[in-house]
Amino acid sequence: MAVRDFMSNKVVYVSPDTTVAHATDVMREQGLRRLPVIENDRLVGLVTESSIADASPSKATSLSIFEMNYLLNKTKIRDIMIKDVVTVSKFASLEDAIYLMMTHSIAVLVVVDNDQVSGIITDKDIYRAFLQVSGYGERGVRLNLLAENQIGVLDSIVHTISQEGLNIRSTLMVNRKSGKVALEVQIDSDQFDLDALRQKLENKGFEIESLERTASKVGF
């Protein structure tokens, strides 16, 4: 899975000479929490809600509303922007993007290749990617089972399900501390005998943790 498959291609940005007041208006109108700062078609910084809040007068200030507005209209983005911006390539794996976010304790990466900004990927895009990969929000059947961590296990599960004329939409695997492997299998159809499938899998030695129908979620 590559970053390009999950990033937001629409890039709303500002220039270093944009005023803080205008940038704030853009973020409010677009429902954004951060904006890349681009100059001469190259990324030079990033402005976020936090950086704007840090640059804004405190509520405890003695300045009047007119004086505060004057300051916000006078202060330029170049004076408050984050200059050391963490970027990622659109060809990088989604796992690489997650690692960068965790390492730098950030929630956004600007996607840059050959000095050109092509998108943005945020923590929300990561969450959405996981839901998509897991098949969440799709009608069907979700099967969770435990199996021994050995060669041929996945093939046996897939073969058993395919023998029932069923299609697998997605499969996730994670190692348990017990040494076994937990698998989550999302099956397209829900029009089949769940008990019969459960029995066949159990007969092959698999421990079924859950086997349930899932409803589609509108708007996902």
N, C-alpha and C. Protein backbone atom coordinates (compact mmCIF):
# COMPACT_ATOMS: atom_id res chain seq x y z
N MET A 1 0.84 -1.19 0.00
CA MET A 1 0.00 0.00 0.00
C MET A 1 0.88 1.24 0.00
N ALA A 2 0.66 2.08 -0.98
CA ALA A 2 1.49 3.28 -1.11
C ALA A 2 0.76 4.52 -0.61
N VAL A 3 1.53 5.53 -0.23
CA VAL A 3 0.97 6.79 0.25
C VAL A 3 0.03 7.39 -0.79
N ARG A 4 0.37 7.29 -2.06
CA ARG A 4 -0.44 7.90 -3.12
C ARG A 4 -1.86 7.35 -3.18
N ASP A 5 -2.07 6.15 -2.65
CA ASP A 5 -3.40 5.55 -2.68
C ASP A 5 -4.33 6.10 -1.60
N PHE A 6 -3.76 6.80 -0.61
CA PHE A 6 -4.58 7.26 0.51
C PHE A 6 -4.42 8.76 0.82
N MET A 7 -3.49 9.43 0.17
CA MET A 7 -3.26 10.84 0.45
C MET A 7 -4.37 11.71 -0.15
N SER A 8 -4.49 12.91 0.34
CA SER A 8 -5.42 13.89 -0.22
C SER A 8 -4.70 14.63 -1.33
N ASN A 9 -5.25 14.56 -2.55
CA ASN A 9 -4.60 15.18 -3.69
C ASN A 9 -4.83 16.69 -3.75
N LYS A 10 -5.95 17.14 -3.18
CA LYS A 10 -6.26 18.56 -3.18
C LYS A 10 -5.39 19.26 -2.14
N VAL A 11 -4.53 20.15 -2.61
CA VAL A 11 -3.61 20.84 -1.71
C VAL A 11 -3.98 22.33 -1.65
N VAL A 12 -4.47 22.75 -0.51
CA VAL A 12 -4.74 24.17 -0.27
C VAL A 12 -3.52 24.72 0.44
N TYR A 13 -2.93 25.77 -0.10
CA TYR A 13 -1.69 26.27 0.47
C TYR A 13 -1.69 27.80 0.53
N VAL A 14 -0.70 28.32 1.21
CA VAL A 14 -0.50 29.77 1.30
C VAL A 14 0.95 30.07 0.98
N SER A 15 1.24 31.34 0.77
CA SER A 15 2.62 31.77 0.52
C SER A 15 3.20 32.33 1.81
N PRO A 16 4.52 32.48 1.88
CA PRO A 16 5.13 33.04 3.10
C PRO A 16 4.66 34.46 3.39
N ASP A 17 4.22 35.18 2.36
CA ASP A 17 3.79 36.57 2.56
C ASP A 17 2.30 36.70 2.88
N THR A 18 1.62 35.58 2.96
CA THR A 18 0.22 35.61 3.37
C THR A 18 0.14 36.06 4.83
N THR A 19 -0.85 36.85 5.16
CA THR A 19 -0.99 37.28 6.55
C THR A 19 -1.58 36.16 7.39
N VAL A 20 -1.31 36.20 8.67
CA VAL A 20 -1.86 35.21 9.59
C VAL A 20 -3.39 35.28 9.58
N ALA A 21 -3.93 36.47 9.49
CA ALA A 21 -5.37 36.64 9.48
C ALA A 21 -5.99 35.95 8.27
N HIS A 22 -5.37 36.12 7.10
CA HIS A 22 -5.91 35.51 5.88
C HIS A 22 -5.78 33.98 5.94
N ALA A 23 -4.65 33.50 6.41
CA ALA A 23 -4.45 32.05 6.53
C ALA A 23 -5.49 31.44 7.46
N THR A 24 -5.79 32.15 8.54
CA THR A 24 -6.81 31.69 9.48
C THR A 24 -8.17 31.60 8.81
N ASP A 25 -8.48 32.58 7.99
CA ASP A 25 -9.75 32.58 7.25
C ASP A 25 -9.82 31.40 6.29
N VAL A 26 -8.72 31.13 5.59
CA VAL A 26 -8.67 30.02 4.64
C VAL A 26 -8.90 28.69 5.36
N MET A 27 -8.24 28.50 6.50
CA MET A 27 -8.37 27.26 7.25
C MET A 27 -9.80 27.09 7.76
N ARG A 28 -10.40 28.18 8.20
CA ARG A 28 -11.78 28.11 8.70
C ARG A 28 -12.75 27.78 7.57
N GLU A 29 -12.59 28.44 6.43
CA GLU A 29 -13.50 28.23 5.30
C GLU A 29 -13.37 26.83 4.71
N GLN A 30 -12.15 26.30 4.67
CA GLN A 30 -11.90 24.99 4.07
C GLN A 30 -12.00 23.84 5.07
N GLY A 31 -12.17 24.17 6.36
CA GLY A 31 -12.24 23.14 7.38
C GLY A 31 -10.93 22.40 7.56
N LEU A 32 -9.81 23.14 7.47
CA LEU A 32 -8.48 22.55 7.56
C LEU A 32 -7.79 22.93 8.86
N ARG A 33 -6.82 22.10 9.25
CA ARG A 33 -6.08 22.36 10.48
C ARG A 33 -4.63 22.73 10.21
N ARG A 34 -4.21 22.60 8.95
CA ARG A 34 -2.85 22.98 8.60
C ARG A 34 -2.78 23.31 7.11
N LEU A 35 -1.79 24.12 6.73
CA LEU A 35 -1.61 24.54 5.34
C LEU A 35 -0.13 24.49 4.99
N PRO A 36 0.21 23.87 3.86
CA PRO A 36 1.60 23.95 3.39
C PRO A 36 1.89 25.38 2.96
N VAL A 37 3.13 25.78 3.12
CA VAL A 37 3.56 27.11 2.68
C VAL A 37 4.46 26.91 1.46
N ILE A 38 4.05 27.44 0.33
CA ILE A 38 4.76 27.22 -0.92
C ILE A 38 5.22 28.54 -1.52
N GLU A 39 6.46 28.54 -1.97
CA GLU A 39 7.03 29.72 -2.62
C GLU A 39 7.82 29.28 -3.84
N ASN A 40 7.54 29.90 -4.98
CA ASN A 40 8.19 29.51 -6.24
C ASN A 40 8.06 28.02 -6.51
N ASP A 41 6.83 27.53 -6.26
CA ASP A 41 6.49 26.12 -6.51
C ASP A 41 7.26 25.13 -5.63
N ARG A 42 7.86 25.59 -4.54
CA ARG A 42 8.59 24.69 -3.65
C ARG A 42 8.09 24.84 -2.22
N LEU A 43 8.07 23.73 -1.51
CA LEU A 43 7.64 23.74 -0.11
C LEU A 43 8.69 24.44 0.75
N VAL A 44 8.26 25.44 1.50
CA VAL A 44 9.20 26.15 2.38
C VAL A 44 8.78 26.11 3.84
N GLY A 45 7.56 25.60 4.10
CA GLY A 45 7.12 25.55 5.49
C GLY A 45 5.73 24.96 5.65
N LEU A 46 5.25 24.97 6.88
CA LEU A 46 3.93 24.46 7.21
C LEU A 46 3.35 25.32 8.33
N VAL A 47 2.11 25.73 8.17
CA VAL A 47 1.45 26.49 9.22
C VAL A 47 0.28 25.66 9.74
N THR A 48 0.15 25.61 11.06
CA THR A 48 -0.89 24.79 11.68
C THR A 48 -1.72 25.64 12.63
N GLU A 49 -2.81 25.06 13.08
CA GLU A 49 -3.64 25.75 14.08
C GLU A 49 -2.81 26.12 15.30
N SER A 50 -1.93 25.20 15.70
CA SER A 50 -1.11 25.44 16.90
C SER A 50 -0.13 26.59 16.70
N SER A 51 0.51 26.63 15.53
CA SER A 51 1.48 27.71 15.30
C SER A 51 0.79 29.06 15.21
N ILE A 52 -0.44 29.07 14.68
CA ILE A 52 -1.20 30.32 14.63
C ILE A 52 -1.65 30.72 16.03
N ALA A 53 -2.07 29.74 16.83
CA ALA A 53 -2.50 30.03 18.19
C ALA A 53 -1.35 30.58 19.02
N ASP A 54 -0.15 30.02 18.81
CA ASP A 54 1.03 30.49 19.54
C ASP A 54 1.39 31.92 19.17
N ALA A 55 1.09 32.29 17.92
CA ALA A 55 1.44 33.64 17.45
C ALA A 55 0.36 34.66 17.74
N SER A 56 -0.84 34.19 18.11
CA SER A 56 -1.95 35.10 18.37
C SER A 56 -1.85 35.69 19.77
N PRO A 57 -2.34 36.91 19.95
CA PRO A 57 -2.33 37.53 21.29
C PRO A 57 -3.13 36.70 22.29
N SER A 58 -2.66 36.63 23.51
CA SER A 58 -3.35 35.89 24.57
C SER A 58 -4.66 36.59 24.92
N LYS A 59 -5.61 35.79 25.41
CA LYS A 59 -6.89 36.37 25.85
C LYS A 59 -6.68 37.32 27.02
N ALA A 60 -5.55 37.16 27.69
CA ALA A 60 -5.27 38.01 28.85
C ALA A 60 -4.60 39.32 28.46
N THR A 61 -4.37 39.51 27.17
CA THR A 61 -3.68 40.72 26.72
C THR A 61 -4.54 41.97 26.95
N SER A 62 -3.85 43.09 27.07
CA SER A 62 -4.56 44.36 27.26
C SER A 62 -4.87 45.03 25.93
N LEU A 63 -4.48 44.36 24.82
CA LEU A 63 -4.73 44.94 23.51
C LEU A 63 -6.22 44.94 23.20
N SER A 64 -6.65 45.95 22.48
CA SER A 64 -8.05 46.01 22.05
C SER A 64 -8.24 45.09 20.87
N ILE A 65 -9.49 44.81 20.51
CA ILE A 65 -9.79 43.95 19.37
C ILE A 65 -9.22 44.52 18.08
N PHE A 66 -9.21 45.85 18.01
CA PHE A 66 -8.68 46.49 16.81
C PHE A 66 -7.17 46.32 16.72
N GLU A 67 -6.51 46.40 17.88
CA GLU A 67 -5.05 46.22 17.90
C GLU A 67 -4.68 44.77 17.59
N MET A 68 -5.48 43.80 18.08
CA MET A 68 -5.21 42.40 17.80
C MET A 68 -5.40 42.10 16.32
N ASN A 69 -6.46 42.64 15.73
CA ASN A 69 -6.69 42.44 14.31
C ASN A 69 -5.58 43.06 13.48
N TYR A 70 -5.09 44.20 13.95
CA TYR A 70 -3.99 44.87 13.25
C TYR A 70 -2.74 43.99 13.25
N LEU A 71 -2.46 43.38 14.40
CA LEU A 71 -1.29 42.52 14.51
C LEU A 71 -1.41 41.29 13.60
N LEU A 72 -2.60 40.67 13.60
CA LEU A 72 -2.81 39.47 12.80
C LEU A 72 -2.77 39.78 11.31
N ASN A 73 -3.16 41.00 10.95
CA ASN A 73 -3.12 41.40 9.54
C ASN A 73 -1.74 41.87 9.12
N LYS A 74 -0.90 42.15 10.10
CA LYS A 74 0.46 42.61 9.82
C LYS A 74 1.46 41.46 9.84
N THR A 75 1.21 40.49 10.71
CA THR A 75 2.14 39.35 10.84
C THR A 75 2.04 38.44 9.63
N LYS A 76 3.18 38.07 9.07
CA LYS A 76 3.23 37.20 7.89
C LYS A 76 3.47 35.75 8.30
N ILE A 77 3.01 34.86 7.46
CA ILE A 77 3.16 33.43 7.72
C ILE A 77 4.63 33.05 7.84
N ARG A 78 5.52 33.70 7.09
CA ARG A 78 6.94 33.37 7.15
C ARG A 78 7.51 33.55 8.56
N ASP A 79 6.84 34.39 9.37
CA ASP A 79 7.33 34.67 10.72
C ASP A 79 6.92 33.61 11.74
N ILE A 80 5.91 32.80 11.40
CA ILE A 80 5.41 31.83 12.39
C ILE A 80 5.41 30.40 11.87
N MET A 81 5.69 30.21 10.59
CA MET A 81 5.57 28.86 10.00
C MET A 81 6.64 27.92 10.53
N ILE A 82 6.32 26.63 10.46
CA ILE A 82 7.27 25.58 10.79
C ILE A 82 8.16 25.39 9.57
N LYS A 83 9.45 25.57 9.74
CA LYS A 83 10.36 25.51 8.59
C LYS A 83 10.93 24.12 8.35
N ASP A 84 11.07 23.37 9.43
CA ASP A 84 11.62 22.00 9.31
C ASP A 84 10.44 21.04 9.13
N VAL A 85 9.98 20.92 7.89
CA VAL A 85 8.78 20.13 7.60
C VAL A 85 9.16 18.69 7.26
N VAL A 86 8.50 17.74 7.91
CA VAL A 86 8.72 16.32 7.61
C VAL A 86 7.88 15.96 6.39
N THR A 87 8.52 15.40 5.37
CA THR A 87 7.82 15.05 4.14
C THR A 87 7.93 13.56 3.86
N VAL A 88 7.16 13.12 2.90
CA VAL A 88 7.18 11.72 2.50
C VAL A 88 6.91 11.64 0.99
N SER A 89 7.43 10.63 0.35
CA SER A 89 7.20 10.43 -1.08
C SER A 89 5.87 9.73 -1.30
N LYS A 90 5.22 10.03 -2.41
CA LYS A 90 3.96 9.37 -2.72
C LYS A 90 4.16 7.89 -3.03
N PHE A 91 5.41 7.53 -3.32
CA PHE A 91 5.72 6.13 -3.61
C PHE A 91 6.10 5.35 -2.35
N ALA A 92 6.22 6.05 -1.23
CA ALA A 92 6.56 5.38 0.03
C ALA A 92 5.38 4.51 0.48
N SER A 93 5.68 3.53 1.30
CA SER A 93 4.61 2.67 1.80
C SER A 93 3.84 3.40 2.89
N LEU A 94 2.62 2.97 3.10
CA LEU A 94 1.79 3.55 4.16
C LEU A 94 2.45 3.32 5.52
N GLU A 95 3.12 2.19 5.65
CA GLU A 95 3.82 1.88 6.90
C GLU A 95 4.95 2.89 7.16
N ASP A 96 5.62 3.30 6.10
CA ASP A 96 6.68 4.31 6.25
C ASP A 96 6.11 5.63 6.75
N ALA A 97 4.94 6.00 6.22
CA ALA A 97 4.28 7.24 6.63
C ALA A 97 3.90 7.18 8.10
N ILE A 98 3.35 6.04 8.52
CA ILE A 98 2.96 5.87 9.93
C ILE A 98 4.19 5.96 10.83
N TYR A 99 5.29 5.34 10.40
CA TYR A 99 6.52 5.36 11.20
C TYR A 99 7.03 6.80 11.36
N LEU A 100 7.00 7.57 10.28
CA LEU A 100 7.45 8.97 10.35
C LEU A 100 6.57 9.78 11.30
N MET A 101 5.25 9.58 11.23
CA MET A 101 4.34 10.30 12.11
C MET A 101 4.62 9.95 13.58
N MET A 102 4.82 8.68 13.84
CA MET A 102 5.07 8.25 15.22
C MET A 102 6.42 8.75 15.71
N THR A 103 7.45 8.67 14.86
CA THR A 103 8.79 9.08 15.25
C THR A 103 8.87 10.57 15.59
N HIS A 104 8.15 11.36 14.78
CA HIS A 104 8.21 12.82 14.95
C HIS A 104 7.02 13.37 15.75
N SER A 105 6.15 12.48 16.21
CA SER A 105 4.98 12.89 16.99
C SER A 105 4.17 13.97 16.27
N ILE A 106 3.86 13.69 15.01
CA ILE A 106 3.08 14.62 14.20
C ILE A 106 1.88 13.90 13.60
N ALA A 107 0.93 14.68 13.10
CA ALA A 107 -0.30 14.10 12.55
C ALA A 107 -0.47 14.37 11.06
N VAL A 108 0.56 14.93 10.43
CA VAL A 108 0.46 15.25 9.01
C VAL A 108 1.83 15.15 8.35
N LEU A 109 1.82 14.69 7.10
CA LEU A 109 3.02 14.67 6.28
C LEU A 109 2.69 15.31 4.93
N VAL A 110 3.55 16.21 4.49
CA VAL A 110 3.38 16.78 3.15
C VAL A 110 4.03 15.81 2.17
N VAL A 111 3.34 15.50 1.09
CA VAL A 111 3.84 14.55 0.09
C VAL A 111 4.62 15.32 -0.96
N VAL A 112 5.92 15.04 -1.05
CA VAL A 112 6.81 15.78 -1.95
C VAL A 112 7.68 14.82 -2.76
N ASP A 113 7.74 15.07 -4.06
CA ASP A 113 8.64 14.33 -4.95
C ASP A 113 9.24 15.30 -5.94
N ASN A 114 10.55 15.26 -6.08
CA ASN A 114 11.26 16.16 -6.99
C ASN A 114 10.93 17.62 -6.70
N ASP A 115 10.87 17.93 -5.42
CA ASP A 115 10.58 19.30 -4.93
C ASP A 115 9.17 19.77 -5.23
N GLN A 116 8.31 18.89 -5.72
CA GLN A 116 6.94 19.26 -6.05
C GLN A 116 5.96 18.66 -5.04
N VAL A 117 5.09 19.50 -4.49
CA VAL A 117 4.07 19.03 -3.54
C VAL A 117 2.91 18.42 -4.34
N SER A 118 2.58 17.18 -4.03
CA SER A 118 1.50 16.52 -4.76
C SER A 118 0.33 16.13 -3.87
N GLY A 119 0.49 16.32 -2.56
CA GLY A 119 -0.61 15.96 -1.67
C GLY A 119 -0.25 16.09 -0.21
N ILE A 120 -1.18 15.67 0.62
CA ILE A 120 -1.00 15.67 2.08
C ILE A 120 -1.62 14.39 2.62
N ILE A 121 -0.96 13.78 3.59
CA ILE A 121 -1.55 12.62 4.24
C ILE A 121 -1.55 12.89 5.74
N THR A 122 -2.71 12.68 6.37
CA THR A 122 -2.88 12.97 7.79
C THR A 122 -3.20 11.69 8.57
N ASP A 123 -3.26 11.84 9.88
CA ASP A 123 -3.62 10.69 10.71
C ASP A 123 -5.01 10.18 10.36
N LYS A 124 -5.92 11.08 9.98
CA LYS A 124 -7.27 10.66 9.60
C LYS A 124 -7.25 9.82 8.32
N ASP A 125 -6.35 10.16 7.39
CA ASP A 125 -6.21 9.35 6.17
C ASP A 125 -5.71 7.95 6.53
N ILE A 126 -4.84 7.87 7.53
CA ILE A 126 -4.32 6.57 7.99
C ILE A 126 -5.45 5.73 8.58
N TYR A 127 -6.29 6.37 9.41
CA TYR A 127 -7.42 5.66 10.02
C TYR A 127 -8.35 5.15 8.92
N ARG A 128 -8.60 6.02 7.93
CA ARG A 128 -9.50 5.64 6.83
C ARG A 128 -8.92 4.48 6.02
N ALA A 129 -7.61 4.50 5.86
CA ALA A 129 -6.94 3.43 5.11
C ALA A 129 -7.10 2.09 5.83
N PHE A 130 -6.94 2.11 7.15
CA PHE A 130 -7.09 0.86 7.92
C PHE A 130 -8.51 0.31 7.79
N LEU A 131 -9.50 1.19 7.88
CA LEU A 131 -10.88 0.74 7.77
C LEU A 131 -11.15 0.15 6.38
N GLN A 132 -10.56 0.79 5.37
CA GLN A 132 -10.75 0.30 4.01
C GLN A 132 -10.09 -1.06 3.80
N VAL A 133 -8.86 -1.19 4.29
CA VAL A 133 -8.13 -2.45 4.13
C VAL A 133 -8.81 -3.58 4.88
N SER A 134 -9.40 -3.28 6.04
CA SER A 134 -10.05 -4.31 6.84
C SER A 134 -11.44 -4.67 6.34
N GLY A 135 -11.94 -3.88 5.38
CA GLY A 135 -13.28 -4.15 4.86
C GLY A 135 -14.38 -3.61 5.73
N TYR A 136 -14.03 -2.74 6.67
CA TYR A 136 -15.03 -2.17 7.57
C TYR A 136 -16.02 -1.33 6.78
N GLY A 137 -17.29 -1.46 7.18
CA GLY A 137 -18.33 -0.68 6.52
C GLY A 137 -18.95 -1.37 5.32
N GLU A 138 -18.46 -2.58 4.99
CA GLU A 138 -18.99 -3.34 3.86
C GLU A 138 -19.86 -4.50 4.38
N ARG A 139 -20.92 -4.75 3.67
CA ARG A 139 -21.80 -5.85 4.06
C ARG A 139 -21.14 -7.19 3.75
N GLY A 140 -21.27 -8.12 4.65
CA GLY A 140 -20.68 -9.44 4.44
C GLY A 140 -20.60 -10.19 5.75
N VAL A 141 -19.52 -10.96 5.91
CA VAL A 141 -19.30 -11.73 7.14
C VAL A 141 -17.85 -11.54 7.58
N ARG A 142 -17.67 -11.30 8.86
CA ARG A 142 -16.32 -11.17 9.41
C ARG A 142 -16.01 -12.39 10.25
N LEU A 143 -14.90 -13.05 9.91
CA LEU A 143 -14.47 -14.26 10.60
C LEU A 143 -13.18 -13.97 11.34
N ASN A 144 -13.17 -14.23 12.65
CA ASN A 144 -11.96 -14.10 13.46
C ASN A 144 -11.61 -15.47 14.03
N LEU A 145 -10.38 -15.90 13.79
CA LEU A 145 -9.98 -17.22 14.28
C LEU A 145 -8.52 -17.24 14.70
N LEU A 146 -8.16 -18.26 15.47
CA LEU A 146 -6.79 -18.47 15.90
C LEU A 146 -6.24 -19.71 15.22
N ALA A 147 -4.97 -19.62 14.81
CA ALA A 147 -4.36 -20.76 14.12
C ALA A 147 -2.90 -20.88 14.54
N GLU A 148 -2.33 -22.05 14.31
CA GLU A 148 -0.91 -22.25 14.58
C GLU A 148 -0.10 -21.47 13.54
N ASN A 149 1.02 -20.94 13.97
CA ASN A 149 1.88 -20.17 13.07
C ASN A 149 2.79 -21.11 12.31
N GLN A 150 2.26 -21.68 11.23
CA GLN A 150 3.02 -22.65 10.46
C GLN A 150 2.63 -22.60 8.98
N ILE A 151 3.47 -23.18 8.16
CA ILE A 151 3.26 -23.18 6.71
C ILE A 151 1.95 -23.88 6.35
N GLY A 152 1.21 -23.29 5.44
CA GLY A 152 0.00 -23.92 4.91
C GLY A 152 -1.28 -23.55 5.63
N VAL A 153 -1.18 -22.83 6.74
CA VAL A 153 -2.37 -22.48 7.52
C VAL A 153 -3.30 -21.57 6.72
N LEU A 154 -2.75 -20.50 6.17
CA LEU A 154 -3.58 -19.56 5.43
C LEU A 154 -4.19 -20.23 4.20
N ASP A 155 -3.41 -21.06 3.54
CA ASP A 155 -3.90 -21.77 2.36
C ASP A 155 -5.08 -22.66 2.73
N SER A 156 -5.01 -23.30 3.88
CA SER A 156 -6.09 -24.19 4.32
C SER A 156 -7.37 -23.40 4.59
N ILE A 157 -7.23 -22.23 5.21
CA ILE A 157 -8.39 -21.39 5.51
C ILE A 157 -9.03 -20.90 4.22
N VAL A 158 -8.20 -20.40 3.32
CA VAL A 158 -8.71 -19.88 2.05
C VAL A 158 -9.39 -21.00 1.26
N HIS A 159 -8.78 -22.17 1.24
CA HIS A 159 -9.35 -23.30 0.50
C HIS A 159 -10.71 -23.70 1.07
N THR A 160 -10.81 -23.74 2.38
CA THR A 160 -12.08 -24.11 3.03
C THR A 160 -13.19 -23.13 2.68
N ILE A 161 -12.86 -21.85 2.69
CA ILE A 161 -13.86 -20.82 2.39
C ILE A 161 -14.23 -20.84 0.91
N SER A 162 -13.24 -20.99 0.03
CA SER A 162 -13.51 -21.00 -1.41
C SER A 162 -14.32 -22.21 -1.83
N GLN A 163 -14.18 -23.33 -1.10
CA GLN A 163 -14.97 -24.53 -1.40
C GLN A 163 -16.46 -24.28 -1.21
N GLU A 164 -16.79 -23.28 -0.39
CA GLU A 164 -18.19 -22.92 -0.16
C GLU A 164 -18.70 -21.93 -1.21
N GLY A 165 -17.84 -21.64 -2.18
CA GLY A 165 -18.22 -20.70 -3.23
C GLY A 165 -18.23 -19.26 -2.76
N LEU A 166 -17.40 -18.96 -1.76
CA LEU A 166 -17.37 -17.62 -1.17
C LEU A 166 -16.10 -16.88 -1.56
N ASN A 167 -16.21 -15.56 -1.67
CA ASN A 167 -15.08 -14.72 -2.04
C ASN A 167 -14.56 -13.96 -0.82
N ILE A 168 -13.25 -13.96 -0.65
CA ILE A 168 -12.62 -13.24 0.45
C ILE A 168 -12.26 -11.83 -0.01
N ARG A 169 -12.77 -10.83 0.72
CA ARG A 169 -12.48 -9.44 0.38
C ARG A 169 -11.13 -8.99 0.94
N SER A 170 -10.85 -9.38 2.18
CA SER A 170 -9.60 -8.96 2.82
C SER A 170 -9.22 -9.91 3.93
N THR A 171 -7.93 -9.90 4.25
CA THR A 171 -7.41 -10.75 5.33
C THR A 171 -6.36 -9.98 6.12
N LEU A 172 -6.50 -9.97 7.43
CA LEU A 172 -5.51 -9.35 8.31
C LEU A 172 -4.96 -10.40 9.26
N MET A 173 -3.67 -10.28 9.58
CA MET A 173 -3.04 -11.24 10.47
C MET A 173 -2.21 -10.52 11.52
N VAL A 174 -2.19 -11.06 12.73
CA VAL A 174 -1.35 -10.51 13.79
C VAL A 174 -0.90 -11.65 14.71
N ASN A 175 0.34 -11.58 15.14
CA ASN A 175 0.88 -12.61 16.03
C ASN A 175 0.44 -12.36 17.46
N ARG A 176 -0.05 -13.40 18.12
CA ARG A 176 -0.42 -13.32 19.53
C ARG A 176 0.77 -13.72 20.40
N LYS A 177 0.76 -13.29 21.64
CA LYS A 177 1.84 -13.62 22.57
C LYS A 177 1.90 -15.13 22.82
N SER A 178 0.79 -15.80 22.61
CA SER A 178 0.74 -17.25 22.82
C SER A 178 1.53 -18.01 21.76
N GLY A 179 1.94 -17.31 20.71
CA GLY A 179 2.65 -17.98 19.62
C GLY A 179 1.74 -18.30 18.45
N LYS A 180 0.43 -18.17 18.68
CA LYS A 180 -0.52 -18.42 17.60
C LYS A 180 -0.74 -17.16 16.77
N VAL A 181 -1.40 -17.34 15.65
CA VAL A 181 -1.70 -16.23 14.76
C VAL A 181 -3.20 -15.96 14.78
N ALA A 182 -3.56 -14.68 14.97
CA ALA A 182 -4.97 -14.28 14.90
C ALA A 182 -5.23 -13.77 13.49
N LEU A 183 -6.27 -14.28 12.86
CA LEU A 183 -6.63 -13.86 11.52
C LEU A 183 -8.03 -13.30 11.49
N GLU A 184 -8.20 -12.22 10.76
CA GLU A 184 -9.53 -11.65 10.52
C GLU A 184 -9.78 -11.72 9.02
N VAL A 185 -10.83 -12.42 8.64
CA VAL A 185 -11.16 -12.62 7.23
C VAL A 185 -12.52 -11.99 6.95
N GLN A 186 -12.54 -11.10 5.96
CA GLN A 186 -13.79 -10.46 5.55
C GLN A 186 -14.30 -11.16 4.31
N ILE A 187 -15.51 -11.72 4.39
CA ILE A 187 -16.11 -12.45 3.28
C ILE A 187 -17.19 -11.59 2.64
N ASP A 188 -17.21 -11.54 1.30
CA ASP A 188 -18.15 -10.67 0.58
C ASP A 188 -19.61 -10.94 0.91
N SER A 189 -20.01 -12.18 0.76
CA SER A 189 -21.43 -12.53 0.91
C SER A 189 -21.80 -12.83 2.36
N ASP A 190 -23.09 -12.64 2.67
CA ASP A 190 -23.59 -13.06 3.97
C ASP A 190 -24.75 -14.04 3.82
N GLN A 191 -24.97 -14.49 2.58
CA GLN A 191 -26.06 -15.41 2.28
C GLN A 191 -25.56 -16.85 2.23
N PHE A 192 -25.13 -17.36 3.37
CA PHE A 192 -24.69 -18.75 3.45
C PHE A 192 -24.82 -19.21 4.90
N ASP A 193 -24.63 -20.51 5.09
CA ASP A 193 -24.79 -21.12 6.40
C ASP A 193 -23.53 -20.90 7.24
N LEU A 194 -23.59 -19.97 8.17
CA LEU A 194 -22.43 -19.66 9.00
C LEU A 194 -22.01 -20.84 9.87
N ASP A 195 -23.00 -21.56 10.39
CA ASP A 195 -22.70 -22.70 11.27
C ASP A 195 -21.96 -23.80 10.52
N ALA A 196 -22.32 -23.99 9.25
CA ALA A 196 -21.66 -25.03 8.45
C ALA A 196 -20.19 -24.67 8.22
N LEU A 197 -19.93 -23.39 7.93
CA LEU A 197 -18.55 -22.95 7.72
C LEU A 197 -17.76 -23.05 9.03
N ARG A 198 -18.39 -22.67 10.12
CA ARG A 198 -17.73 -22.76 11.42
C ARG A 198 -17.32 -24.21 11.71
N GLN A 199 -18.22 -25.14 11.45
CA GLN A 199 -17.95 -26.55 11.73
C GLN A 199 -16.79 -27.07 10.89
N LYS A 200 -16.74 -26.69 9.62
CA LYS A 200 -15.67 -27.16 8.75
C LYS A 200 -14.31 -26.62 9.19
N LEU A 201 -14.27 -25.37 9.61
CA LEU A 201 -13.02 -24.78 10.07
C LEU A 201 -12.57 -25.39 11.39
N GLU A 202 -13.53 -25.63 12.29
CA GLU A 202 -13.19 -26.25 13.57
C GLU A 202 -12.72 -27.68 13.38
N ASN A 203 -13.27 -28.37 12.39
CA ASN A 203 -12.85 -29.74 12.10
C ASN A 203 -11.39 -29.79 11.64
N LYS A 204 -10.90 -28.67 11.11
CA LYS A 204 -9.51 -28.61 10.67
C LYS A 204 -8.60 -28.08 11.78
N GLY A 205 -9.16 -27.89 12.97
CA GLY A 205 -8.36 -27.50 14.12
C GLY A 205 -8.25 -26.02 14.38
N PHE A 206 -9.04 -25.22 13.68
CA PHE A 206 -8.99 -23.77 13.90
C PHE A 206 -9.94 -23.38 15.03
N GLU A 207 -9.50 -22.43 15.84
CA GLU A 207 -10.30 -21.93 16.95
C GLU A 207 -11.04 -20.67 16.50
N ILE A 208 -12.36 -20.78 16.41
CA ILE A 208 -13.17 -19.65 15.93
C ILE A 208 -13.49 -18.73 17.11
N GLU A 209 -13.02 -17.48 17.01
CA GLU A 209 -13.31 -16.50 18.05
C GLU A 209 -14.63 -15.78 17.79
N SER A 210 -14.92 -15.54 16.53
CA SER A 210 -16.20 -14.92 16.17
C SER A 210 -16.47 -15.13 14.69
N LEU A 211 -17.73 -15.21 14.36
CA LEU A 211 -18.18 -15.37 12.97
C LEU A 211 -19.54 -14.69 12.89
N GLU A 212 -19.56 -13.50 12.31
CA GLU A 212 -20.78 -12.70 12.35
C GLU A 212 -21.00 -11.91 11.07
N ARG A 213 -22.26 -11.66 10.79
CA ARG A 213 -22.62 -10.83 9.65
C ARG A 213 -22.37 -9.36 9.97
N THR A 214 -21.94 -8.62 8.97
CA THR A 214 -21.70 -7.18 9.14
C THR A 214 -22.60 -6.41 8.21
N ALA A 215 -23.09 -5.28 8.68
CA ALA A 215 -23.97 -4.43 7.88
C ALA A 215 -23.15 -3.33 7.23
N SER A 216 -23.58 -2.90 6.04
CA SER A 216 -22.89 -1.80 5.37
C SER A 216 -23.17 -0.51 6.12
N LYS A 217 -22.20 0.37 6.11
CA LYS A 217 -22.34 1.66 6.81
C LYS A 217 -22.41 2.77 5.76
N VAL A 218 -23.54 3.43 5.70
CA VAL A 218 -23.77 4.48 4.73
C VAL A 218 -22.87 5.67 5.04
N GLY A 219 -22.26 6.22 3.99
CA GLY A 219 -21.45 7.40 4.17
C GLY A 219 -20.00 7.13 4.49
N PHE A 220 -19.62 5.85 4.62
CA PHE A 220 -18.23 5.54 4.93
C PHE A 220 -17.35 5.76 3.70
